[in-house]
Amino acid sequence: MAARRALLVCALLAIVSSSLGSQFGSVDGTTTEPPSFQCNSEYGLFPDPDNCHAFYECNEFIPFHFDCPDNLAWNDAAHMCDYDPTCK
């Protein structure tokens, strides 16, 4: 019985650890710093102030960073990635 509990606790810790790693990690598993972007509302889409090819999605005041597909830039008025020749 104690061995089952220990196994269950280890499994739960692995799940929590992997979900935190996916929020602040990269594809290769290395961790990165949490984004310095601060959500000014609980939910919404916001431009990345440092990169016109990216944006943040805020969910419960937690920012999640996304990159637009190649050759597209964040269009804040339309709230979507769009063609923008001025974004370099």
PDB file of N, CA and C in Angstrom:
ATOM      1  N   MET A   1       0.826  -1.203   0.000  1.00  0.00           N
ATOM      2  CA  MET A   1       0.000   0.000   0.000  1.00  0.00           C
ATOM      3  C   MET A   1       0.867   1.263   0.000  1.00  0.00           C
ATOM      4  N   ALA A   2       1.913   1.269   0.828  1.00  0.00           N
ATOM      5  CA  ALA A   2       2.794   2.439   0.888  1.00  0.00           C
ATOM      6  C   ALA A   2       3.525   2.633  -0.443  1.00  0.00           C
ATOM      7  N   ALA A   3       3.862   1.519  -1.097  1.00  0.00           N
ATOM      8  CA  ALA A   3       4.550   1.622  -2.384  1.00  0.00           C
ATOM      9  C   ALA A   3       3.626   2.240  -3.433  1.00  0.00           C
ATOM     10  N   ARG A   4       2.343   1.901  -3.400  1.00  0.00           N
ATOM     11  CA  ARG A   4       1.383   2.490  -4.344  1.00  0.00           C
ATOM     12  C   ARG A   4       1.250   3.990  -4.121  1.00  0.00           C
ATOM     13  N   ARG A   5       1.190   4.389  -2.853  1.00  0.00           N
ATOM     14  CA  ARG A   5       1.092   5.818  -2.542  1.00  0.00           C
ATOM     15  C   ARG A   5       2.323   6.564  -3.045  1.00  0.00           C
ATOM     16  N   ALA A   6       3.500   5.975  -2.811  1.00  0.00           N
ATOM     17  CA  ALA A   6       4.733   6.621  -3.262  1.00  0.00           C
ATOM     18  C   ALA A   6       4.750   6.734  -4.784  1.00  0.00           C
ATOM     19  N   LEU A   7       4.291   5.707  -5.473  1.00  0.00           N
ATOM     20  CA  LEU A   7       4.236   5.742  -6.922  1.00  0.00           C
ATOM     21  C   LEU A   7       3.255   6.805  -7.412  1.00  0.00           C
ATOM     22  N   LEU A   8       2.111   6.901  -6.757  1.00  0.00           N
ATOM     23  CA  LEU A   8       1.113   7.909  -7.111  1.00  0.00           C
ATOM     24  C   LEU A   8       1.654   9.316  -6.900  1.00  0.00           C
ATOM     25  N   VAL A   9       2.324   9.542  -5.789  1.00  0.00           N
ATOM     26  CA  VAL A   9       2.895  10.864  -5.502  1.00  0.00           C
ATOM     27  C   VAL A   9       3.953  11.210  -6.555  1.00  0.00           C
ATOM     28  N   CYS A  10       4.804  10.255  -6.922  1.00  0.00           N
ATOM     29  CA  CYS A  10       5.825  10.506  -7.939  1.00  0.00           C
ATOM     30  C   CYS A  10       5.188  10.828  -9.288  1.00  0.00           C
ATOM     31  N   ALA A  11       4.130  10.113  -9.628  1.00  0.00           N
ATOM     32  CA  ALA A  11       3.444  10.370 -10.898  1.00  0.00           C
ATOM     33  C   ALA A  11       2.834  11.766 -10.905  1.00  0.00           C
ATOM     34  N   LEU A  12       2.198  12.154  -9.816  1.00  0.00           N
ATOM     35  CA  LEU A  12       1.602  13.495  -9.735  1.00  0.00           C
ATOM     36  C   LEU A  12       2.669  14.578  -9.818  1.00  0.00           C
ATOM     37  N   LEU A  13       3.797  14.374  -9.142  1.00  0.00           N
ATOM     38  CA  LEU A  13       4.884  15.356  -9.207  1.00  0.00           C
ATOM     39  C   LEU A  13       5.429  15.469 -10.622  1.00  0.00           C
ATOM     40  N   ALA A  14       5.520  14.361 -11.330  1.00  0.00           N
ATOM     41  CA  ALA A  14       6.002  14.402 -12.716  1.00  0.00           C
ATOM     42  C   ALA A  14       5.043  15.183 -13.603  1.00  0.00           C
ATOM     43  N   ILE A  15       3.745  15.009 -13.391  1.00  0.00           N
ATOM     44  CA  ILE A  15       2.754  15.735 -14.189  1.00  0.00           C
ATOM     45  C   ILE A  15       2.839  17.226 -13.921  1.00  0.00           C
ATOM     46  N   VAL A  16       2.899  17.612 -12.656  1.00  0.00           N
ATOM     47  CA  VAL A  16       2.990  19.028 -12.299  1.00  0.00           C
ATOM     48  C   VAL A  16       4.284  19.623 -12.836  1.00  0.00           C
ATOM     49  N   SER A  17       5.365  18.905 -12.685  1.00  0.00           N
ATOM     50  CA  SER A  17       6.656  19.387 -13.161  1.00  0.00           C
ATOM     51  C   SER A  17       6.654  19.579 -14.670  1.00  0.00           C
ATOM     52  N   SER A  18       6.068  18.644 -15.408  1.00  0.00           N
ATOM     53  CA  SER A  18       6.056  18.790 -16.868  1.00  0.00           C
ATOM     54  C   SER A  18       5.150  19.924 -17.306  1.00  0.00           C
ATOM     55  N   SER A  19       4.052  20.166 -16.609  1.00  0.00           N
ATOM     56  CA  SER A  19       3.177  21.274 -17.006  1.00  0.00           C
ATOM     57  C   SER A  19       3.831  22.613 -16.715  1.00  0.00           C
ATOM     58  N   LEU A  20       4.569  22.724 -15.625  1.00  0.00           N
ATOM     59  CA  LEU A  20       5.290  23.967 -15.358  1.00  0.00           C
ATOM     60  C   LEU A  20       6.413  24.152 -16.357  1.00  0.00           C
ATOM     61  N   GLY A  21       7.075  23.081 -16.731  1.00  0.00           N
ATOM     62  CA  GLY A  21       8.144  23.168 -17.720  1.00  0.00           C
ATOM     63  C   GLY A  21       7.627  23.595 -19.067  1.00  0.00           C
ATOM     64  N   SER A  22       6.422  23.157 -19.431  1.00  0.00           N
ATOM     65  CA  SER A  22       5.888  23.558 -20.723  1.00  0.00           C
ATOM     66  C   SER A  22       5.477  25.018 -20.729  1.00  0.00           C
ATOM     67  N   GLN A  23       5.126  25.564 -19.568  1.00  0.00           N
ATOM     68  CA  GLN A  23       4.748  26.970 -19.523  1.00  0.00           C
ATOM     69  C   GLN A  23       5.972  27.869 -19.628  1.00  0.00           C
ATOM     70  N   PHE A  24       7.072  27.493 -18.967  1.00  0.00           N
ATOM     71  CA  PHE A  24       8.253  28.341 -18.935  1.00  0.00           C
ATOM     72  C   PHE A  24       9.470  27.693 -19.582  1.00  0.00           C
ATOM     73  N   GLY A  25       9.266  26.637 -20.340  1.00  0.00           N
ATOM     74  CA  GLY A  25      10.378  25.936 -20.954  1.00  0.00           C
ATOM     75  C   GLY A  25      10.365  26.070 -22.450  1.00  0.00           C
ATOM     76  N   SER A  26      11.310  25.383 -23.055  1.00  0.00           N
ATOM     77  CA  SER A  26      11.376  25.384 -24.507  1.00  0.00           C
ATOM     78  C   SER A  26      11.175  23.966 -25.014  1.00  0.00           C
ATOM     79  N   VAL A  27      11.179  23.796 -26.305  1.00  0.00           N
ATOM     80  CA  VAL A  27      10.916  22.495 -26.912  1.00  0.00           C
ATOM     81  C   VAL A  27      11.957  21.472 -26.489  1.00  0.00           C
ATOM     82  N   ASP A  28      13.210  21.884 -26.353  1.00  0.00           N
ATOM     83  CA  ASP A  28      14.253  20.926 -26.009  1.00  0.00           C
ATOM     84  C   ASP A  28      14.336  20.648 -24.516  1.00  0.00           C
ATOM     85  N   GLY A  29      13.427  21.210 -23.724  1.00  0.00           N
ATOM     86  CA  GLY A  29      13.368  20.906 -22.301  1.00  0.00           C
ATOM     87  C   GLY A  29      14.153  21.856 -21.419  1.00  0.00           C
ATOM     88  N   THR A  30      14.921  22.786 -21.988  1.00  0.00           N
ATOM     89  CA  THR A  30      15.641  23.738 -21.158  1.00  0.00           C
ATOM     90  C   THR A  30      14.671  24.781 -20.641  1.00  0.00           C
ATOM     91  N   THR A  31      14.900  25.234 -19.446  1.00  0.00           N
ATOM     92  CA  THR A  31      13.989  26.216 -18.865  1.00  0.00           C
ATOM     93  C   THR A  31      14.415  27.615 -19.249  1.00  0.00           C
ATOM     94  N   THR A  32      13.458  28.494 -19.295  1.00  0.00           N
ATOM     95  CA  THR A  32      13.713  29.899 -19.585  1.00  0.00           C
ATOM     96  C   THR A  32      13.042  30.716 -18.500  1.00  0.00           C
ATOM     97  N   GLU A  33      13.362  31.959 -18.460  1.00  0.00           N
ATOM     98  CA  GLU A  33      12.746  32.846 -17.493  1.00  0.00           C
ATOM     99  C   GLU A  33      11.289  33.095 -17.874  1.00  0.00           C
ATOM    100  N   PRO A  34      10.417  33.265 -16.884  1.00  0.00           N
ATOM    101  CA  PRO A  34       9.041  33.641 -17.203  1.00  0.00           C
ATOM    102  C   PRO A  34       9.039  34.968 -17.951  1.00  0.00           C
ATOM    103  N   PRO A  35       8.065  35.180 -18.815  1.00  0.00           N
ATOM    104  CA  PRO A  35       8.056  36.430 -19.580  1.00  0.00           C
ATOM    105  C   PRO A  35       7.942  37.645 -18.668  1.00  0.00           C
ATOM    106  N   SER A  36       8.611  38.738 -19.063  1.00  0.00           N
ATOM    107  CA  SER A  36       8.543  39.964 -18.271  1.00  0.00           C
ATOM    108  C   SER A  36       7.273  40.747 -18.581  1.00  0.00           C
ATOM    109  N   PHE A  37       6.526  40.310 -19.594  1.00  0.00           N
ATOM    110  CA  PHE A  37       5.290  40.978 -19.976  1.00  0.00           C
ATOM    111  C   PHE A  37       4.269  40.858 -18.849  1.00  0.00           C
ATOM    112  N   GLN A  38       3.621  41.958 -18.532  1.00  0.00           N
ATOM    113  CA  GLN A  38       2.588  41.977 -17.498  1.00  0.00           C
ATOM    114  C   GLN A  38       1.227  42.188 -18.148  1.00  0.00           C
ATOM    115  N   CYS A  39       0.304  41.290 -17.886  1.00  0.00           N
ATOM    116  CA  CYS A  39      -1.051  41.421 -18.419  1.00  0.00           C
ATOM    117  C   CYS A  39      -1.776  42.549 -17.705  1.00  0.00           C
ATOM    118  N   ASN A  40      -2.376  43.452 -18.471  1.00  0.00           N
ATOM    119  CA  ASN A  40      -3.131  44.544 -17.845  1.00  0.00           C
ATOM    120  C   ASN A  40      -4.618  44.237 -17.780  1.00  0.00           C
ATOM    121  N   SER A  41      -5.014  43.057 -18.280  1.00  0.00           N
ATOM    122  CA  SER A  41      -6.382  42.588 -18.107  1.00  0.00           C
ATOM    123  C   SER A  41      -6.335  41.066 -17.987  1.00  0.00           C
ATOM    124  N   GLU A  42      -7.388  40.501 -17.443  1.00  0.00           N
ATOM    125  CA  GLU A  42      -7.388  39.071 -17.143  1.00  0.00           C
ATOM    126  C   GLU A  42      -7.258  38.212 -18.402  1.00  0.00           C
ATOM    127  N   TYR A  43      -7.942  38.619 -19.465  1.00  0.00           N
ATOM    128  CA  TYR A  43      -7.910  37.872 -20.729  1.00  0.00           C
ATOM    129  C   TYR A  43      -7.668  38.831 -21.876  1.00  0.00           C
ATOM    130  N   GLY A  44      -7.016  38.354 -22.925  1.00  0.00           N
ATOM    131  CA  GLY A  44      -6.845  39.187 -24.113  1.00  0.00           C
ATOM    132  C   GLY A  44      -5.597  38.846 -24.885  1.00  0.00           C
ATOM    133  N   LEU A  45      -5.492  39.456 -26.055  1.00  0.00           N
ATOM    134  CA  LEU A  45      -4.344  39.308 -26.939  1.00  0.00           C
ATOM    135  C   LEU A  45      -3.641  40.652 -27.030  1.00  0.00           C
ATOM    136  N   PHE A  46      -2.307  40.640 -26.917  1.00  0.00           N
ATOM    137  CA  PHE A  46      -1.540  41.877 -26.860  1.00  0.00           C
ATOM    138  C   PHE A  46      -0.265  41.736 -27.678  1.00  0.00           C
ATOM    139  N   PRO A  47       0.171  42.816 -28.343  1.00  0.00           N
ATOM    140  CA  PRO A  47       1.411  42.743 -29.116  1.00  0.00           C
ATOM    141  C   PRO A  47       2.622  42.556 -28.209  1.00  0.00           C
ATOM    142  N   ASP A  48       3.622  41.872 -28.711  1.00  0.00           N
ATOM    143  CA  ASP A  48       4.898  41.765 -28.008  1.00  0.00           C
ATOM    144  C   ASP A  48       5.617  43.090 -28.224  1.00  0.00           C
ATOM    145  N   PRO A  49       5.922  43.839 -27.171  1.00  0.00           N
ATOM    146  CA  PRO A  49       6.547  45.155 -27.363  1.00  0.00           C
ATOM    147  C   PRO A  49       7.951  45.080 -27.953  1.00  0.00           C
ATOM    148  N   ASP A  50       8.590  43.902 -27.907  1.00  0.00           N
ATOM    149  CA  ASP A  50       9.956  43.756 -28.398  1.00  0.00           C
ATOM    150  C   ASP A  50      10.049  43.051 -29.741  1.00  0.00           C
ATOM    151  N   ASN A  51       8.929  42.520 -30.256  1.00  0.00           N
ATOM    152  CA  ASN A  51       8.982  41.725 -31.477  1.00  0.00           C
ATOM    153  C   ASN A  51       7.658  41.848 -32.217  1.00  0.00           C
ATOM    154  N   CYS A  52       7.670  42.472 -33.385  1.00  0.00           N
ATOM    155  CA  CYS A  52       6.423  42.676 -34.128  1.00  0.00           C
ATOM    156  C   CYS A  52       5.903  41.378 -34.754  1.00  0.00           C
ATOM    157  N   HIS A  53       6.698  40.312 -34.696  1.00  0.00           N
ATOM    158  CA  HIS A  53       6.278  39.018 -35.235  1.00  0.00           C
ATOM    159  C   HIS A  53       5.715  38.104 -34.142  1.00  0.00           C
ATOM    160  N   ALA A  54       5.381  38.668 -32.991  1.00  0.00           N
ATOM    161  CA  ALA A  54       4.914  37.851 -31.870  1.00  0.00           C
ATOM    162  C   ALA A  54       3.844  38.598 -31.077  1.00  0.00           C
ATOM    163  N   PHE A  55       3.168  37.851 -30.211  1.00  0.00           N
ATOM    164  CA  PHE A  55       2.119  38.430 -29.374  1.00  0.00           C
ATOM    165  C   PHE A  55       1.979  37.623 -28.096  1.00  0.00           C
ATOM    166  N   TYR A  56       1.253  38.185 -27.148  1.00  0.00           N
ATOM    167  CA  TYR A  56       0.949  37.511 -25.892  1.00  0.00           C
ATOM    168  C   TYR A  56      -0.547  37.261 -25.798  1.00  0.00           C
ATOM    169  N   GLU A  57      -0.893  36.111 -25.259  1.00  0.00           N
ATOM    170  CA  GLU A  57      -2.277  35.833 -24.895  1.00  0.00           C
ATOM    171  C   GLU A  57      -2.320  35.757 -23.380  1.00  0.00           C
ATOM    172  N   CYS A  58      -3.164  36.583 -22.770  1.00  0.00           N
ATOM    173  CA  CYS A  58      -3.307  36.577 -21.319  1.00  0.00           C
ATOM    174  C   CYS A  58      -4.511  35.725 -20.933  1.00  0.00           C
ATOM    175  N   ASN A  59      -4.280  34.848 -19.989  1.00  0.00           N
ATOM    176  CA  ASN A  59      -5.325  33.966 -19.490  1.00  0.00           C
ATOM    177  C   ASN A  59      -5.215  33.970 -17.975  1.00  0.00           C
ATOM    178  N   GLU A  60      -6.203  34.563 -17.317  1.00  0.00           N
ATOM    179  CA  GLU A  60      -6.202  34.722 -15.858  1.00  0.00           C
ATOM    180  C   GLU A  60      -4.939  35.461 -15.397  1.00  0.00           C
ATOM    181  N   PHE A  61      -4.594  36.532 -16.131  1.00  0.00           N
ATOM    182  CA  PHE A  61      -3.441  37.406 -15.872  1.00  0.00           C
ATOM    183  C   PHE A  61      -2.097  36.709 -16.085  1.00  0.00           C
ATOM    184  N   ILE A  62      -2.072  35.524 -16.691  1.00  0.00           N
ATOM    185  CA  ILE A  62      -0.821  34.829 -16.978  1.00  0.00           C
ATOM    186  C   ILE A  62      -0.530  35.002 -18.469  1.00  0.00           C
ATOM    187  N   PRO A  63       0.643  35.587 -18.818  1.00  0.00           N
ATOM    188  CA  PRO A  63       0.958  35.796 -20.229  1.00  0.00           C
ATOM    189  C   PRO A  63       1.563  34.543 -20.868  1.00  0.00           C
ATOM    190  N   PHE A  64       1.086  34.217 -22.056  1.00  0.00           N
ATOM    191  CA  PHE A  64       1.638  33.133 -22.858  1.00  0.00           C
ATOM    192  C   PHE A  64       2.122  33.737 -24.170  1.00  0.00           C
ATOM    193  N   HIS A  65       3.360  33.465 -24.521  1.00  0.00           N
ATOM    194  CA  HIS A  65       3.991  34.074 -25.687  1.00  0.00           C
ATOM    195  C   HIS A  65       3.824  33.183 -26.916  1.00  0.00           C
ATOM    196  N   PHE A  66       3.472  33.799 -28.051  1.00  0.00           N
ATOM    197  CA  PHE A  66       3.293  33.086 -29.307  1.00  0.00           C
ATOM    198  C   PHE A  66       4.003  33.836 -30.426  1.00  0.00           C
ATOM    199  N   ASP A  67       4.544  33.090 -31.370  1.00  0.00           N
ATOM    200  CA  ASP A  67       5.146  33.661 -32.572  1.00  0.00           C
ATOM    201  C   ASP A  67       4.179  33.511 -33.731  1.00  0.00           C
ATOM    202  N   CYS A  68       4.125  34.515 -34.580  1.00  0.00           N
ATOM    203  CA  CYS A  68       3.327  34.419 -35.799  1.00  0.00           C
ATOM    204  C   CYS A  68       4.033  33.493 -36.781  1.00  0.00           C
ATOM    205  N   PRO A  69       3.289  32.879 -37.703  1.00  0.00           N
ATOM    206  CA  PRO A  69       3.938  32.074 -38.752  1.00  0.00           C
ATOM    207  C   PRO A  69       4.892  32.940 -39.581  1.00  0.00           C
ATOM    208  N   ASP A  70       5.786  32.275 -40.286  1.00  0.00           N
ATOM    209  CA  ASP A  70       6.778  32.980 -41.110  1.00  0.00           C
ATOM    210  C   ASP A  70       6.128  34.022 -42.008  1.00  0.00           C
ATOM    211  N   ASN A  71       6.807  35.156 -42.138  1.00  0.00           N
ATOM    212  CA  ASN A  71       6.414  36.276 -43.008  1.00  0.00           C
ATOM    213  C   ASN A  71       5.150  37.004 -42.559  1.00  0.00           C
ATOM    214  N   LEU A  72       4.683  36.743 -41.345  1.00  0.00           N
ATOM    215  CA  LEU A  72       3.517  37.456 -40.822  1.00  0.00           C
ATOM    216  C   LEU A  72       3.902  38.213 -39.565  1.00  0.00           C
ATOM    217  N   ALA A  73       3.134  39.248 -39.261  1.00  0.00           N
ATOM    218  CA  ALA A  73       3.367  40.076 -38.088  1.00  0.00           C
ATOM    219  C   ALA A  73       2.050  40.210 -37.323  1.00  0.00           C
ATOM    220  N   TRP A  74       2.159  40.593 -36.062  1.00  0.00           N
ATOM    221  CA  TRP A  74       0.963  40.762 -35.247  1.00  0.00           C
ATOM    222  C   TRP A  74       0.230  42.036 -35.647  1.00  0.00           C
ATOM    223  N   ASN A  75      -1.049  41.909 -35.956  1.00  0.00           N
ATOM    224  CA  ASN A  75      -1.912  43.033 -36.280  1.00  0.00           C
ATOM    225  C   ASN A  75      -2.816  43.245 -35.075  1.00  0.00           C
ATOM    226  N   ASP A  76      -2.529  44.258 -34.280  1.00  0.00           N
ATOM    227  CA  ASP A  76      -3.261  44.463 -33.030  1.00  0.00           C
ATOM    228  C   ASP A  76      -4.708  44.887 -33.274  1.00  0.00           C
ATOM    229  N   ALA A  77      -4.967  45.619 -34.343  1.00  0.00           N
ATOM    230  CA  ALA A  77      -6.336  46.053 -34.634  1.00  0.00           C
ATOM    231  C   ALA A  77      -7.233  44.870 -34.976  1.00  0.00           C
ATOM    232  N   ALA A  78      -6.683  43.897 -35.703  1.00  0.00           N
ATOM    233  CA  ALA A  78      -7.463  42.720 -36.106  1.00  0.00           C
ATOM    234  C   ALA A  78      -7.323  41.560 -35.121  1.00  0.00           C
ATOM    235  N   HIS A  79      -6.391  41.684 -34.166  1.00  0.00           N
ATOM    236  CA  HIS A  79      -6.102  40.619 -33.200  1.00  0.00           C
ATOM    237  C   HIS A  79      -5.765  39.305 -33.898  1.00  0.00           C
ATOM    238  N   MET A  80      -4.835  39.399 -34.861  1.00  0.00           N
ATOM    239  CA  MET A  80      -4.398  38.205 -35.581  1.00  0.00           C
ATOM    240  C   MET A  80      -3.066  38.479 -36.271  1.00  0.00           C
ATOM    241  N   CYS A  81      -2.399  37.415 -36.690  1.00  0.00           N
ATOM    242  CA  CYS A  81      -1.183  37.561 -37.478  1.00  0.00           C
ATOM    243  C   CYS A  81      -1.588  37.898 -38.902  1.00  0.00           C
ATOM    244  N   ASP A  82      -0.873  38.848 -39.495  1.00  0.00           N
ATOM    245  CA  ASP A  82      -1.256  39.373 -40.795  1.00  0.00           C
ATOM    246  C   ASP A  82       0.014  39.824 -41.523  1.00  0.00           C
ATOM    247  N   TYR A  83      -0.108  40.067 -42.811  1.00  0.00           N
ATOM    248  CA  TYR A  83       1.009  40.588 -43.600  1.00  0.00           C
ATOM    249  C   TYR A  83       1.243  42.044 -43.240  1.00  0.00           C
ATOM    250  N   ASP A  84       2.508  42.396 -42.965  1.00  0.00           N
ATOM    251  CA  ASP A  84       2.858  43.785 -42.650  1.00  0.00           C
ATOM    252  C   ASP A  84       4.272  44.055 -43.176  1.00  0.00           C
ATOM    253  N   PRO A  85       4.382  44.742 -44.284  1.00  0.00           N
ATOM    254  CA  PRO A  85       5.713  44.980 -44.858  1.00  0.00           C
ATOM    255  C   PRO A  85       6.586  45.895 -44.009  1.00  0.00           C
ATOM    256  N   THR A  86       6.020  46.626 -43.061  1.00  0.00           N
ATOM    257  CA  THR A  86       6.831  47.519 -42.227  1.00  0.00           C
ATOM    258  C   THR A  86       7.498  46.788 -41.069  1.00  0.00           C
ATOM    259  N   CYS A  87       7.065  45.589 -40.773  1.00  0.00           N
ATOM    260  CA  CYS A  87       7.656  44.809 -39.660  1.00  0.00           C
ATOM    261  C   CYS A  87       8.902  44.105 -40.168  1.00  0.00           C
ATOM    262  N   LYS A  88      10.026  44.443 -39.613  1.00  0.00           N
ATOM    263  CA  LYS A  88      11.308  43.830 -40.026  1.00  0.00           C
ATOM    264  C   LYS A  88      11.856  42.940 -38.956  1.00  0.00           C
TER     265      LYS A  88
END
